[in-house]
Amino acid sequence: WFPTSFMPEFIQHLSKLTIVYWAIEGFIQVLWANCTTRELLPILGILFGIAAVVNAFSVWRFNHGHIFD
């Protein structure tokens, strides 16, 4: 793990598009900020949203692609 605050600003913005960023952010909030489940809901929503988009794309790709040819 490398703090995004040490990275250039454009990479800091790009990192927010990754699942790893939000997972680490959730761990930080739980372990160091003592956040409640209610306070974690936005982070959990983003994680589930990213998972839903990736899952939908994977199902679409599997159904329309020639993966095993």
PDB file of N, CA and C in Angstrom:
ATOM      1  N   TRP A   1       0.840  -1.167   0.000  1.00  0.00           N
ATOM      2  CA  TRP A   1       0.000   0.000   0.000  1.00  0.00           C
ATOM      3  C   TRP A   1       0.886   1.230   0.000  1.00  0.00           C
ATOM      4  N   PHE A   2       0.547   2.195  -0.854  1.00  0.00           N
ATOM      5  CA  PHE A   2       1.285   3.438  -0.978  1.00  0.00           C
ATOM      6  C   PHE A   2       0.281   4.582  -0.892  1.00  0.00           C
ATOM      7  N   PRO A   3       0.494   5.536  -0.001  1.00  0.00           N
ATOM      8  CA  PRO A   3      -0.478   6.627   0.149  1.00  0.00           C
ATOM      9  C   PRO A   3      -0.641   7.426  -1.140  1.00  0.00           C
ATOM     10  N   THR A   4      -1.869   7.641  -1.534  1.00  0.00           N
ATOM     11  CA  THR A   4      -2.110   8.402  -2.762  1.00  0.00           C
ATOM     12  C   THR A   4      -1.746   9.872  -2.589  1.00  0.00           C
ATOM     13  N   SER A   5      -1.630  10.327  -1.370  1.00  0.00           N
ATOM     14  CA  SER A   5      -1.271  11.731  -1.154  1.00  0.00           C
ATOM     15  C   SER A   5       0.145  12.040  -1.635  1.00  0.00           C
ATOM     16  N   PHE A   6       0.976  11.014  -1.812  1.00  0.00           N
ATOM     17  CA  PHE A   6       2.332  11.211  -2.321  1.00  0.00           C
ATOM     18  C   PHE A   6       2.382  11.212  -3.847  1.00  0.00           C
ATOM     19  N   MET A   7       1.279  10.908  -4.486  1.00  0.00           N
ATOM     20  CA  MET A   7       1.238  10.788  -5.943  1.00  0.00           C
ATOM     21  C   MET A   7       0.811  12.105  -6.572  1.00  0.00           C
ATOM     22  N   PRO A   8       1.078  12.262  -7.880  1.00  0.00           N
ATOM     23  CA  PRO A   8       0.603  13.464  -8.571  1.00  0.00           C
ATOM     24  C   PRO A   8      -0.927  13.563  -8.505  1.00  0.00           C
ATOM     25  N   GLU A   9      -1.428  14.771  -8.637  1.00  0.00           N
ATOM     26  CA  GLU A   9      -2.862  15.013  -8.462  1.00  0.00           C
ATOM     27  C   GLU A   9      -3.720  14.229  -9.448  1.00  0.00           C
ATOM     28  N   PHE A  10      -3.287  14.113 -10.708  1.00  0.00           N
ATOM     29  CA  PHE A  10      -4.107  13.394 -11.684  1.00  0.00           C
ATOM     30  C   PHE A  10      -4.193  11.906 -11.341  1.00  0.00           C
ATOM     31  N   ILE A  11      -3.161  11.343 -10.743  1.00  0.00           N
ATOM     32  CA  ILE A  11      -3.208   9.938 -10.329  1.00  0.00           C
ATOM     33  C   ILE A  11      -4.102   9.789  -9.100  1.00  0.00           C
ATOM     34  N   GLN A  12      -4.118  10.781  -8.243  1.00  0.00           N
ATOM     35  CA  GLN A  12      -5.018  10.737  -7.088  1.00  0.00           C
ATOM     36  C   GLN A  12      -6.466  10.648  -7.549  1.00  0.00           C
ATOM     37  N   HIS A  13      -6.801  11.388  -8.605  1.00  0.00           N
ATOM     38  CA  HIS A  13      -8.167  11.340  -9.133  1.00  0.00           C
ATOM     39  C   HIS A  13      -8.447  10.002  -9.814  1.00  0.00           C
ATOM     40  N   LEU A  14      -7.482   9.485 -10.556  1.00  0.00           N
ATOM     41  CA  LEU A  14      -7.663   8.194 -11.233  1.00  0.00           C
ATOM     42  C   LEU A  14      -7.776   7.042 -10.243  1.00  0.00           C
ATOM     43  N   SER A  15      -7.079   7.144  -9.129  1.00  0.00           N
ATOM     44  CA  SER A  15      -7.102   6.049  -8.154  1.00  0.00           C
ATOM     45  C   SER A  15      -8.494   5.839  -7.570  1.00  0.00           C
ATOM     46  N   LYS A  16      -9.320   6.871  -7.584  1.00  0.00           N
ATOM     47  CA  LYS A  16     -10.674   6.742  -7.042  1.00  0.00           C
ATOM     48  C   LYS A  16     -11.581   5.899  -7.938  1.00  0.00           C
ATOM     49  N   LEU A  17     -11.094   5.499  -9.084  1.00  0.00           N
ATOM     50  CA  LEU A  17     -11.856   4.626  -9.976  1.00  0.00           C
ATOM     51  C   LEU A  17     -11.560   3.152  -9.733  1.00  0.00           C
ATOM     52  N   THR A  18     -10.714   2.852  -8.763  1.00  0.00           N
ATOM     53  CA  THR A  18     -10.321   1.461  -8.535  1.00  0.00           C
ATOM     54  C   THR A  18     -10.969   0.901  -7.272  1.00  0.00           C
ATOM     55  N   ILE A  19     -11.156  -0.397  -7.297  1.00  0.00           N
ATOM     56  CA  ILE A  19     -11.718  -1.097  -6.135  1.00  0.00           C
ATOM     57  C   ILE A  19     -10.734  -1.067  -4.969  1.00  0.00           C
ATOM     58  N   VAL A  20      -9.453  -1.132  -5.268  1.00  0.00           N
ATOM     59  CA  VAL A  20      -8.438  -1.167  -4.208  1.00  0.00           C
ATOM     60  C   VAL A  20      -8.483   0.117  -3.377  1.00  0.00           C
ATOM     61  N   TYR A  21      -8.625   1.248  -4.029  1.00  0.00           N
ATOM     62  CA  TYR A  21      -8.689   2.523  -3.307  1.00  0.00           C
ATOM     63  C   TYR A  21      -9.824   2.505  -2.284  1.00  0.00           C
ATOM     64  N   TRP A  22     -11.010   2.087  -2.726  1.00  0.00           N
ATOM     65  CA  TRP A  22     -12.174   2.117  -1.843  1.00  0.00           C
ATOM     66  C   TRP A  22     -12.098   1.054  -0.760  1.00  0.00           C
ATOM     67  N   ALA A  23     -11.506  -0.099  -1.061  1.00  0.00           N
ATOM     68  CA  ALA A  23     -11.329  -1.132  -0.035  1.00  0.00           C
ATOM     69  C   ALA A  23     -10.373  -0.641   1.051  1.00  0.00           C
ATOM     70  N   ILE A  24      -9.256  -0.062   0.644  1.00  0.00           N
ATOM     71  CA  ILE A  24      -8.292   0.473   1.613  1.00  0.00           C
ATOM     72  C   ILE A  24      -8.913   1.620   2.401  1.00  0.00           C
ATOM     73  N   GLU A  25      -9.662   2.468   1.725  1.00  0.00           N
ATOM     74  CA  GLU A  25     -10.336   3.579   2.409  1.00  0.00           C
ATOM     75  C   GLU A  25     -11.298   3.046   3.474  1.00  0.00           C
ATOM     76  N   GLY A  26     -12.008   1.977   3.155  1.00  0.00           N
ATOM     77  CA  GLY A  26     -12.901   1.358   4.135  1.00  0.00           C
ATOM     78  C   GLY A  26     -12.143   0.803   5.324  1.00  0.00           C
ATOM     79  N   PHE A  27     -11.036   0.100   5.058  1.00  0.00           N
ATOM     80  CA  PHE A  27     -10.217  -0.432   6.152  1.00  0.00           C
ATOM     81  C   PHE A  27      -9.685   0.691   7.034  1.00  0.00           C
ATOM     82  N   ILE A  28      -9.228   1.770   6.416  1.00  0.00           N
ATOM     83  CA  ILE A  28      -8.707   2.909   7.180  1.00  0.00           C
ATOM     84  C   ILE A  28      -9.798   3.485   8.077  1.00  0.00           C
ATOM     85  N   GLN A  29     -10.997   3.646   7.522  1.00  0.00           N
ATOM     86  CA  GLN A  29     -12.098   4.210   8.305  1.00  0.00           C
ATOM     87  C   GLN A  29     -12.471   3.316   9.481  1.00  0.00           C
ATOM     88  N   VAL A  30     -12.439   2.007   9.277  1.00  0.00           N
ATOM     89  CA  VAL A  30     -12.804   1.081  10.357  1.00  0.00           C
ATOM     90  C   VAL A  30     -11.703   0.997  11.404  1.00  0.00           C
ATOM     91  N   LEU A  31     -10.463   0.838  10.964  1.00  0.00           N
ATOM     92  CA  LEU A  31      -9.373   0.573  11.899  1.00  0.00           C
ATOM     93  C   LEU A  31      -8.872   1.818  12.625  1.00  0.00           C
ATOM     94  N   TRP A  32      -8.812   2.953  11.936  1.00  0.00           N
ATOM     95  CA  TRP A  32      -8.209   4.132  12.548  1.00  0.00           C
ATOM     96  C   TRP A  32      -9.192   5.233  12.888  1.00  0.00           C
ATOM     97  N   ALA A  33     -10.298   5.306  12.183  1.00  0.00           N
ATOM     98  CA  ALA A  33     -11.253   6.378  12.454  1.00  0.00           C
ATOM     99  C   ALA A  33     -12.447   5.890  13.269  1.00  0.00           C
ATOM    100  N   ASN A  34     -12.480   4.573  13.570  1.00  0.00           N
ATOM    101  CA  ASN A  34     -13.575   3.987  14.356  1.00  0.00           C
ATOM    102  C   ASN A  34     -14.950   4.356  13.816  1.00  0.00           C
ATOM    103  N   CYS A  35     -15.107   4.267  12.507  1.00  0.00           N
ATOM    104  CA  CYS A  35     -16.386   4.587  11.881  1.00  0.00           C
ATOM    105  C   CYS A  35     -17.418   3.499  12.157  1.00  0.00           C
ATOM    106  N   THR A  36     -18.652   3.913  12.196  1.00  0.00           N
ATOM    107  CA  THR A  36     -19.752   2.966  12.357  1.00  0.00           C
ATOM    108  C   THR A  36     -20.151   2.428  10.984  1.00  0.00           C
ATOM    109  N   THR A  37     -21.003   1.421  11.002  1.00  0.00           N
ATOM    110  CA  THR A  37     -21.484   0.849   9.745  1.00  0.00           C
ATOM    111  C   THR A  37     -22.220   1.896   8.922  1.00  0.00           C
ATOM    112  N   ARG A  38     -22.975   2.731   9.570  1.00  0.00           N
ATOM    113  CA  ARG A  38     -23.713   3.776   8.860  1.00  0.00           C
ATOM    114  C   ARG A  38     -22.758   4.735   8.142  1.00  0.00           C
ATOM    115  N   GLU A  39     -21.651   5.052   8.770  1.00  0.00           N
ATOM    116  CA  GLU A  39     -20.675   5.954   8.150  1.00  0.00           C
ATOM    117  C   GLU A  39     -19.937   5.279   6.997  1.00  0.00           C
ATOM    118  N   LEU A  40     -19.910   3.950   7.003  1.00  0.00           N
ATOM    119  CA  LEU A  40     -19.246   3.208   5.931  1.00  0.00           C
ATOM    120  C   LEU A  40     -20.142   2.965   4.725  1.00  0.00           C
ATOM    121  N   LEU A  41     -21.429   3.246   4.833  1.00  0.00           N
ATOM    122  CA  LEU A  41     -22.355   2.948   3.748  1.00  0.00           C
ATOM    123  C   LEU A  41     -21.965   3.570   2.405  1.00  0.00           C
ATOM    124  N   PRO A  42     -21.495   4.812   2.345  1.00  0.00           N
ATOM    125  CA  PRO A  42     -21.083   5.341   1.041  1.00  0.00           C
ATOM    126  C   PRO A  42     -19.941   4.537   0.409  1.00  0.00           C
ATOM    127  N   ILE A  43     -18.970   4.152   1.203  1.00  0.00           N
ATOM    128  CA  ILE A  43     -17.845   3.362   0.684  1.00  0.00           C
ATOM    129  C   ILE A  43     -18.333   1.991   0.241  1.00  0.00           C
ATOM    130  N   LEU A  44     -19.172   1.361   1.052  1.00  0.00           N
ATOM    131  CA  LEU A  44     -19.713   0.051   0.685  1.00  0.00           C
ATOM    132  C   LEU A  44     -20.569   0.148  -0.572  1.00  0.00           C
ATOM    133  N   GLY A  45     -21.325   1.226  -0.706  1.00  0.00           N
ATOM    134  CA  GLY A  45     -22.132   1.434  -1.909  1.00  0.00           C
ATOM    135  C   GLY A  45     -21.274   1.548  -3.153  1.00  0.00           C
ATOM    136  N   ILE A  46     -20.172   2.272  -3.046  1.00  0.00           N
ATOM    137  CA  ILE A  46     -19.259   2.404  -4.182  1.00  0.00           C
ATOM    138  C   ILE A  46     -18.650   1.054  -4.532  1.00  0.00           C
ATOM    139  N   LEU A  47     -18.228   0.293  -3.519  1.00  0.00           N
ATOM    140  CA  LEU A  47     -17.654  -1.032  -3.771  1.00  0.00           C
ATOM    141  C   LEU A  47     -18.665  -1.957  -4.436  1.00  0.00           C
ATOM    142  N   PHE A  48     -19.895  -1.982  -3.937  1.00  0.00           N
ATOM    143  CA  PHE A  48     -20.918  -2.825  -4.551  1.00  0.00           C
ATOM    144  C   PHE A  48     -21.273  -2.332  -5.952  1.00  0.00           C
ATOM    145  N   GLY A  49     -21.267  -1.019  -6.153  1.00  0.00           N
ATOM    146  CA  GLY A  49     -21.540  -0.470  -7.482  1.00  0.00           C
ATOM    147  C   GLY A  49     -20.487  -0.875  -8.498  1.00  0.00           C
ATOM    148  N   ILE A  50     -19.226  -0.761  -8.125  1.00  0.00           N
ATOM    149  CA  ILE A  50     -18.144  -1.176  -9.021  1.00  0.00           C
ATOM    150  C   ILE A  50     -18.253  -2.665  -9.308  1.00  0.00           C
ATOM    151  N   ALA A  51     -18.535  -3.462  -8.274  1.00  0.00           N
ATOM    152  CA  ALA A  51     -18.678  -4.909  -8.460  1.00  0.00           C
ATOM    153  C   ALA A  51     -19.838  -5.226  -9.399  1.00  0.00           C
ATOM    154  N   ALA A  52     -20.943  -4.510  -9.284  1.00  0.00           N
ATOM    155  CA  ALA A  52     -22.096  -4.747 -10.152  1.00  0.00           C
ATOM    156  C   ALA A  52     -21.775  -4.411 -11.603  1.00  0.00           C
ATOM    157  N   VAL A  53     -21.076  -3.310 -11.830  1.00  0.00           N
ATOM    158  CA  VAL A  53     -20.706  -2.923 -13.194  1.00  0.00           C
ATOM    159  C   VAL A  53     -19.757  -3.945 -13.806  1.00  0.00           C
ATOM    160  N   VAL A  54     -18.752  -4.354 -13.056  1.00  0.00           N
ATOM    161  CA  VAL A  54     -17.789  -5.339 -13.564  1.00  0.00           C
ATOM    162  C   VAL A  54     -18.479  -6.675 -13.814  1.00  0.00           C
ATOM    163  N   ASN A  55     -19.370  -7.071 -12.922  1.00  0.00           N
ATOM    164  CA  ASN A  55     -20.098  -8.322 -13.096  1.00  0.00           C
ATOM    165  C   ASN A  55     -20.994  -8.263 -14.331  1.00  0.00           C
ATOM    166  N   ALA A  56     -21.713  -7.168 -14.521  1.00  0.00           N
ATOM    167  CA  ALA A  56     -22.577  -7.025 -15.695  1.00  0.00           C
ATOM    168  C   ALA A  56     -21.755  -7.077 -16.980  1.00  0.00           C
ATOM    169  N   PHE A  57     -20.629  -6.405 -17.008  1.00  0.00           N
ATOM    170  CA  PHE A  57     -19.768  -6.449 -18.188  1.00  0.00           C
ATOM    171  C   PHE A  57     -19.254  -7.860 -18.436  1.00  0.00           C
ATOM    172  N   SER A  58     -18.889  -8.562 -17.376  1.00  0.00           N
ATOM    173  CA  SER A  58     -18.368  -9.924 -17.515  1.00  0.00           C
ATOM    174  C   SER A  58     -19.428 -10.867 -18.069  1.00  0.00           C
ATOM    175  N   VAL A  59     -20.641 -10.762 -17.578  1.00  0.00           N
ATOM    176  CA  VAL A  59     -21.730 -11.607 -18.084  1.00  0.00           C
ATOM    177  C   VAL A  59     -22.004 -11.285 -19.543  1.00  0.00           C
ATOM    178  N   TRP A  60     -22.054 -10.001 -19.884  1.00  0.00           N
ATOM    179  CA  TRP A  60     -22.272  -9.605 -21.277  1.00  0.00           C
ATOM    180  C   TRP A  60     -21.161 -10.139 -22.168  1.00  0.00           C
ATOM    181  N   ARG A  61     -19.932  -9.994 -21.734  1.00  0.00           N
ATOM    182  CA  ARG A  61     -18.783 -10.462 -22.521  1.00  0.00           C
ATOM    183  C   ARG A  61     -18.809 -11.977 -22.673  1.00  0.00           C
ATOM    184  N   PHE A  62     -19.178 -12.683 -21.629  1.00  0.00           N
ATOM    185  CA  PHE A  62     -19.252 -14.137 -21.687  1.00  0.00           C
ATOM    186  C   PHE A  62     -20.336 -14.580 -22.664  1.00  0.00           C
ATOM    187  N   ASN A  63     -21.489 -13.909 -22.648  1.00  0.00           N
ATOM    188  CA  ASN A  63     -22.603 -14.303 -23.511  1.00  0.00           C
ATOM    189  C   ASN A  63     -22.392 -13.927 -24.970  1.00  0.00           C
ATOM    190  N   HIS A  64     -21.677 -12.854 -25.252  1.00  0.00           N
ATOM    191  CA  HIS A  64     -21.520 -12.382 -26.625  1.00  0.00           C
ATOM    192  C   HIS A  64     -20.141 -12.634 -27.211  1.00  0.00           C
ATOM    193  N   GLY A  65     -19.247 -13.140 -26.421  1.00  0.00           N
ATOM    194  CA  GLY A  65     -17.886 -13.353 -26.896  1.00  0.00           C
ATOM    195  C   GLY A  65     -17.633 -14.792 -27.280  1.00  0.00           C
ATOM    196  N   HIS A  66     -16.511 -14.995 -27.890  1.00  0.00           N
ATOM    197  CA  HIS A  66     -16.059 -16.334 -28.264  1.00  0.00           C
ATOM    198  C   HIS A  66     -14.889 -16.685 -27.358  1.00  0.00           C
ATOM    199  N   ILE A  67     -15.191 -16.892 -26.105  1.00  0.00           N
ATOM    200  CA  ILE A  67     -14.154 -17.092 -25.104  1.00  0.00           C
ATOM    201  C   ILE A  67     -13.490 -18.450 -25.244  1.00  0.00           C
ATOM    202  N   PHE A  68     -14.278 -19.490 -25.494  1.00  0.00           N
ATOM    203  CA  PHE A  68     -13.744 -20.846 -25.491  1.00  0.00           C
ATOM    204  C   PHE A  68     -13.565 -21.424 -26.890  1.00  0.00           C
ATOM    205  N   ASP A  69     -13.532 -20.603 -27.913  1.00  0.00           N
ATOM    206  CA  ASP A  69     -13.337 -21.104 -29.289  1.00  0.00           C
ATOM    207  C   ASP A  69     -11.887 -21.271 -29.622  1.00  0.00           C
TER     208      ASP A  69
END
